[in-house]
Each structure stands twice: as structure tokens, then as C-alpha cells.
Amino acid sequence: MRKQRVILFVVCLVSVAIALTLAWGAVYKNLDTDKAATDKITALDMKFIKGYVVYPAGTKEAPTALFFDIKGGCAKPCAISKKAHAKDEAYEQKAWGPWLTEKEIIYAIKALAAQAAESKLSPPKALIVADTKGQLGGYVYTSLDTVHMERDKDGTVLVYPPTIEPRLKGN
């Protein structure tokens, strides 16, 4: 009888551990690379891309990054930083460009890949943008390893567009 109780107790502990692992599996780690999202963006998977509003950093001809702001998935303004996109002068230097059309998105993704190859940077990747609770807000698609952002406890995430200093030939 005692042996059965011990076995039942162990089975319960294992079940709880498995359930917690599965529950925590849905938590996104901020600024980690999401390989599946990277592959979909690189492959120009429009079904995936249409789930986001896409904003460029830099110029349309030579973007430094693309911000994939999830459509309708956030309870709080957990992405781009509607603040950084505002017309406020304080944010003018740090503002993302206006959202892109489907054709502009395709061009920008190809331009980022070409720039990375030309500059010997790592290929662009999708960095996860998550709030402090681990909820997905979108992705920053860039060759950089990180971007500057501010995350508030209320779920608001302010993502600043990266700037890349141009390299001079011969350096």
C-alpha cells in the first residue's frame, strides 16, 4: 500500500513538471532569434507576413531593419512604439518609417539580404520582441544581434529603430 502511494506521488510530480514545461513553452524570450520566423520572412511567406504590419528603419532603398508588428495580437501597445512612430520632434531621429505595402516589404527583405552579403554582415534574422510577461509583440528583422528597446511592466514595449553607420571603402 505504501509503495502504491509513493508511485502515485511520483507520477503526480512528473505530470505537474510536464504541464509546467508545456505552459512555459509558450513564453517568448525577448531578442532571441526565432528561426521559424526568420525562415518564413526570408522565403517571402506572404501568408505569414500578412499577419503583421511592417515598418522600415533607414531608407526605403537601404533599410537597416524591418519591424514586424503583430496585427491584433496585443492587448497593450506592445510593439513599435506608437511613441517612436509619432510626429513628436523628440522621436523624429528614432522613428520607424511608414508601414510598407506588400511590394515594398518584398523589396526591403531582398535589400536587407543583399546589404548583408555585400557588407559581410550576418544574414538578417527575426529577433523576438516580447513584453515583460513573455507575450509576442512582433519581430525586428535585421542583421544586427540586438536593438534598443524599453519594456514597461504594464506590457508596453518601445522598440527603437537601429541605425548602422556606413562603412568607408578600404576600412
Protein backbone atom coordinates (compact mmCIF):
# COMPACT_ATOMS: atom_id res chain seq x y z
CA MET A 1 0.00 0.00 0.00
CA ARG A 2 2.80 2.40 0.88
CA LYS A 3 4.60 1.58 -2.37
CA GLN A 4 1.45 2.47 -4.37
CA ARG A 5 1.22 5.87 -2.65
CA VAL A 6 4.86 6.60 -3.43
CA ILE A 7 4.35 5.65 -7.08
CA LEU A 8 1.19 7.78 -7.27
CA PHE A 9 3.04 10.73 -5.70
CA VAL A 10 5.94 10.41 -8.18
CA VAL A 11 3.52 10.17 -11.13
CA CYS A 12 1.75 13.34 -9.93
CA LEU A 13 5.05 15.21 -9.60
CA VAL A 14 6.13 14.18 -13.09
CA SER A 15 2.74 15.21 -14.51
CA VAL A 16 2.96 18.62 -12.87
CA ALA A 17 6.52 19.09 -14.17
CA ILE A 18 5.44 18.20 -17.72
CA ALA A 19 2.40 20.52 -17.54
CA LEU A 20 4.53 23.42 -16.31
CA THR A 21 7.11 22.81 -19.03
CA LEU A 22 4.40 22.91 -21.69
CA ALA A 23 2.86 26.06 -20.21
CA TRP A 24 6.23 27.82 -20.08
CA GLY A 25 7.00 26.75 -23.65
CA ALA A 26 4.69 29.49 -24.96
CA VAL A 27 6.75 32.24 -23.32
CA TYR A 28 8.92 34.17 -25.76
CA LYS A 29 12.38 35.33 -24.72
CA ASN A 30 12.95 38.92 -25.74
CA LEU A 31 15.53 39.46 -28.52
CA ASP A 32 16.13 35.76 -29.09
CA THR A 33 16.32 34.74 -32.74
CA ASP A 34 13.21 32.94 -33.98
CA LYS A 35 14.47 30.54 -36.65
CA ALA A 36 10.98 29.61 -37.90
CA ALA A 37 10.01 33.29 -38.34
CA THR A 38 13.38 34.02 -39.96
CA ASP A 39 12.84 31.20 -42.46
CA LYS A 40 9.31 32.39 -43.29
CA ILE A 41 10.38 36.01 -43.78
CA THR A 42 13.43 35.03 -45.85
CA ALA A 43 11.26 32.75 -48.01
CA LEU A 44 8.79 35.63 -48.50
CA ASP A 45 5.95 33.57 -47.00
CA MET A 46 3.17 36.10 -47.59
CA LYS A 47 0.65 34.15 -45.52
CA PHE A 48 2.95 34.66 -42.50
CA ILE A 49 3.95 38.23 -43.43
CA LYS A 50 0.32 39.37 -43.85
CA GLY A 51 -0.17 38.74 -40.12
CA TYR A 52 1.99 41.80 -39.41
CA VAL A 53 2.16 45.50 -40.15
CA VAL A 54 5.71 46.09 -41.38
CA TYR A 55 7.67 49.30 -40.73
CA PRO A 56 11.17 50.06 -42.08
CA ALA A 57 14.15 51.65 -40.35
CA GLY A 58 16.58 53.58 -42.52
CA THR A 59 15.65 54.45 -46.07
CA LYS A 60 13.36 52.53 -48.41
CA GLU A 61 16.31 51.92 -50.73
CA ALA A 62 18.60 50.73 -47.94
CA PRO A 63 16.66 49.68 -44.83
CA THR A 64 18.61 48.77 -41.70
CA ALA A 65 15.77 46.73 -40.23
CA LEU A 66 12.11 45.86 -40.59
CA PHE A 67 9.72 45.85 -37.67
CA PHE A 68 7.00 43.19 -37.94
CA ASP A 69 4.26 44.47 -35.62
CA ILE A 70 1.74 41.70 -34.93
CA LYS A 71 -1.78 42.57 -36.11
CA GLY A 72 -4.42 42.50 -33.42
CA GLY A 73 -2.45 40.24 -31.11
CA CYS A 74 -1.57 42.64 -28.31
CA ALA A 75 -3.77 43.89 -25.52
CA LYS A 76 -1.36 46.76 -24.81
CA PRO A 77 0.70 48.75 -27.32
CA CYS A 78 3.37 46.09 -27.15
CA ALA A 79 5.17 46.80 -30.27
CA ILE A 80 6.57 49.53 -32.36
CA SER A 81 6.27 52.02 -30.14
CA LYS A 82 3.50 54.10 -31.36
CA LYS A 83 5.55 56.69 -29.45
CA ALA A 84 8.58 56.18 -31.69
CA HIS A 85 6.35 56.44 -34.74
CA ALA A 86 4.72 59.64 -33.50
CA LYS A 87 5.28 63.05 -35.06
CA ASP A 88 6.87 64.32 -31.85
CA GLU A 89 10.21 66.00 -32.61
CA ALA A 90 11.94 64.15 -29.78
CA TYR A 91 11.32 60.89 -31.59
CA GLU A 92 11.95 62.13 -35.12
CA GLN A 93 15.50 60.77 -35.25
CA LYS A 94 14.38 57.46 -33.77
CA ALA A 95 11.19 56.95 -35.77
CA TRP A 96 10.30 53.94 -37.88
CA GLY A 97 9.15 54.77 -41.38
CA PRO A 98 5.54 54.50 -42.52
CA TRP A 99 4.12 50.98 -42.94
CA LEU A 100 5.07 49.20 -46.13
CA THR A 101 2.93 47.75 -48.90
CA GLU A 102 3.33 44.12 -49.94
CA LYS A 103 5.64 45.05 -52.84
CA GLU A 104 7.74 47.30 -50.59
CA ILE A 105 8.05 44.53 -48.00
CA ILE A 106 9.37 42.11 -50.62
CA TYR A 107 11.84 44.72 -51.88
CA ALA A 108 13.00 45.56 -48.35
CA ILE A 109 13.56 41.91 -47.38
CA LYS A 110 15.64 41.35 -50.52
CA ALA A 111 17.53 44.63 -49.93
CA LEU A 112 18.44 43.59 -46.36
CA ALA A 113 19.77 40.26 -47.62
CA ALA A 114 21.80 41.96 -50.36
CA GLN A 115 23.25 44.51 -47.92
CA ALA A 116 24.26 41.77 -45.51
CA ALA A 117 26.03 39.82 -48.25
CA GLU A 118 27.72 42.95 -49.62
CA SER A 119 28.87 44.19 -46.19
CA LYS A 120 29.86 40.75 -44.93
CA LEU A 121 27.31 41.02 -42.11
CA SER A 122 25.44 38.00 -40.83
CA PRO A 123 22.25 37.23 -42.78
CA PRO A 124 19.15 39.02 -41.49
CA LYS A 125 17.26 37.25 -38.71
CA ALA A 126 13.99 37.74 -36.84
CA LEU A 127 14.63 38.98 -33.30
CA ILE A 128 11.69 38.37 -30.99
CA VAL A 129 10.01 41.42 -29.47
CA ALA A 130 8.27 40.32 -26.28
CA ASP A 131 6.77 42.15 -23.35
CA THR A 132 7.87 41.56 -19.76
CA LYS A 133 5.41 38.65 -19.46
CA GLY A 134 6.86 36.88 -22.50
CA GLN A 135 3.99 37.63 -24.89
CA LEU A 136 4.96 38.04 -28.54
CA GLY A 137 4.60 41.57 -29.92
CA GLY A 138 6.40 41.04 -33.21
CA TYR A 139 9.85 40.77 -34.71
CA VAL A 140 12.71 43.02 -35.75
CA TYR A 141 14.23 41.58 -38.94
CA THR A 142 17.83 42.75 -39.13
CA SER A 143 21.46 41.66 -39.48
CA LEU A 144 22.22 43.10 -36.05
CA ASP A 145 22.26 40.95 -32.92
CA THR A 146 20.20 43.33 -30.80
CA VAL A 147 18.13 46.51 -30.87
CA HIS A 148 17.43 49.16 -28.25
CA MET A 149 14.05 48.93 -26.56
CA GLU A 150 12.22 49.88 -23.41
CA ARG A 151 9.79 47.46 -21.75
CA ASP A 152 7.32 48.63 -19.10
CA LYS A 153 5.68 46.39 -16.53
CA ASP A 154 2.25 47.28 -17.95
CA GLY A 155 3.13 45.45 -21.18
CA THR A 156 4.12 48.45 -23.28
CA VAL A 157 7.22 47.91 -25.39
CA LEU A 158 9.00 50.74 -27.13
CA VAL A 159 11.27 49.49 -29.93
CA TYR A 160 13.78 51.94 -31.38
CA PRO A 161 14.91 51.52 -34.97
CA PRO A 162 18.56 50.57 -35.30
CA THR A 163 20.99 52.79 -37.11
CA ILE A 164 24.01 51.38 -38.87
CA GLU A 165 26.91 53.67 -39.58
CA PRO A 166 28.04 53.41 -43.20
CA ARG A 167 31.44 51.83 -43.77
CA LEU A 168 34.03 53.65 -45.80
CA LYS A 169 35.65 51.66 -48.57
CA GLY A 170 39.08 50.43 -47.60
CA ASN A 171 38.25 50.21 -43.85
